[in-house]
Amino acid sequence: MCGLTAIFSYGDNAPNVDEAELLRMREAMIARGPDGAGSWLSDNKRVGLAHRRLAIIDVGPTGAQPMALADEAGNIRLQITYNGEIYNFKQLRAELMAEGRKFTTNSDTEVLLHLYDRDGAEMLRKLRGMFAFALWDEAKQGMLLARDPYGIKPLYYADEEGSLRVASQVKALLAGGAVSKVPNPAGHVGFFTLGYVPEPHTMYKNIHSLPAGSSLWLGRDGRKIESRYFDFRGEMQQLEEAGPEASQDELRAALMESVEHHLVSDVPVGVFLSAGLDSASIMALVAEVSGSQMESMTLRFDEFSGTASDEAPLAEEIAKAYNTRHQTRTVKGADFQADQAKLLAAMDQPSIDGVNTYFVAKEAADMGLKVALSGVGGDELLGGYDSFRQIPSLVGKLGWIPGLRPLGAGFRVLSGPVLKALTSPKYASLLEYSSDYGSAYLLRRGLFMPWELSSFLDPDLVREGQEALETRTHLAETAAGPGHSHGKIAALEMVFYMRNQLLRDADWAGMAHGVEIRTPLVDVELFRALAPLIAGRNPPDKRDMAASASPPLPDNILNRPKTGFCVPVHDWLLAASSEDPAHGERGLRGWARRIMTAQKGLSL
């Protein structure tokens, strides 16, 4: 995994690329790429690309970036800076070589160059993996930005006064010193509403996240073409209608294929192992596919010792069953206090989650691992969250009532102050947010309800932010695609929570320690294979996934109630301070305020 940056001075009155700025942006991402650095500046100084490298594929100097594709006379035709892994690059390379194309490296980066040279932006539909890149096309005098279907890898850009600036991190763009820091109301409101900043927004008005599954072309003439090549709602609806449902054998085959692709690496690959079915199933499938002894590791916390939340004993049992070289690492409250400032600094955009991933990646790096597999995506794909049961139940019991939303709004206005003082303010919103799947999802997942925000944020900022976000509209549109309730919740969880929080947290927290986190259950081909099942009336669950392993998981793992991978952040915060001194609020909400306060250059 790596860090990329680019500057394209396309405007007639825009200054030439400042190489010092380009390098400042690059060096702000050293943690993402500790193995090497490179840069390229066009002869006319109008285009600059730079790269920090974490060497995973073709680890020698031939895999360095930025990488060029030149003609027979040595003239550069294409230049790319890229972050990610293309898991089917070997198949694509063989296909291109059969057509007569010659390769000088064994990297997936060179495959991207040749594939674009042949197919243009249509190449994106052929890629299986996680990726973000900026590609300069000399002949067409334009730059193509692209991001993988799930948005596993981030890509941010600022387009100001005829200059396009691109980077893997918001903070890298800011480090260049030329991007506006005007706050974005949508970013602030989005964070306090959901616990993360929903794309395409960031905390800054002029910095945008390239949406997952999309591309952006910008020509020398200033013409922009935005295109989406993958859309969850449309894909799921199409695949749902296609049917028929897959069998258990087909489920196993799809899982095995995804795991096999995610093991492609020129360095050792480990597994983040908990006692949950997601990571345990991945461990079992990896052991079957790889045929070699794997590294695995688990975190344990003193606060959970002897309780059901202690993952270590069962994880060690799983590791023994599949003969891994396993390590259990202990993280204490003192470790959290010592690393809290570093953790918040590594958090590129505010998120109330990610602490567990930060520490598991830190320990993996200490073990010498560069690549690790994670079970992220299993709950969203296979209905592991309570939301898959709670939301349909809520909508089914209350959603049919005519005029429920306005009736509920009146109830909330009258009861809100009382209920907020006595219990969760969400109870005041129960009627107002039960009329449809999108609203009920916000009730289930929301950090603060929209009506609460004006009590601690500027009302004008809240109004402007909510108008830009249109949260309930976007939630409703996402849920509208699939026909069955399971598919609706799966789409909502994948498009919102997983994309904007879990995957983003895996990126910044892993990259803070130079660890590439791979997610076999977040895979476009796996999704396409299982979508007819996911959106159907008898969707597979995580037990079906676990049953696909051979040999099967131990019975006490298969029959263990879901607990989630817990981290005692609340206890750690209370140990440092009995309450948030600035706001007097505990729990996730207090943690959210601390996170926002710690974000440099921002204020409430």
Foldseek 3Di string as FASTA:
>chain_A
DWKKKKKAQLDPPGDFADVVLRVLLRVVQCLLAVLDKDKDADPVRRMIMIMGHLQWWQNDPVQDDQDFDADPVRHTFKTKYKDWDFLCLVVLVVVLVVVPDDDDTRGSNVSVVSLCVVPNPVSLVVTWIFMWMWMAGPVQQKIKTATAQLQLFWKKWFQPDRMIMIMSFPVSNVSSVPDDQAFALLQVLCCQWFQFRAAQDARGPRMGIQDHQKMWMAHSVGDIDIGHPHDLLVLLLVLQVVDDADDLVLLLVLLLVLLLSQCDTPDAEAAEFFLALLRLLSLLSCLVNVVDAHEYEYEAEPVQPPHPLGRPPNRVVSCVVSVHNYDYHYDYLVNCVVCVLVVLVLQRGGGLDLPVLLVVLQVCVVVVAAEYEYSPQQCLQFVVDCLLVVLVVLLVVQQVDPPQQVVLVVQLVVCQVVCVVVHPSLVSNSRNQRNDSLSSVSSVRTNDHLVPVVVPDPPVSSVSNCVVCVRSVVLRVQLPRQDDSQSSSSSNCSSGVCSRHVSSSNVSSNSSNNHHYHYSSPIPSSCSSQSNQRSDPNHHHSLSSQVSRVVGDDPCSSPPDDDDNDDVPQVSVCVVPVAQVVPRDGDSSRSSVVSQVSDPPDDD
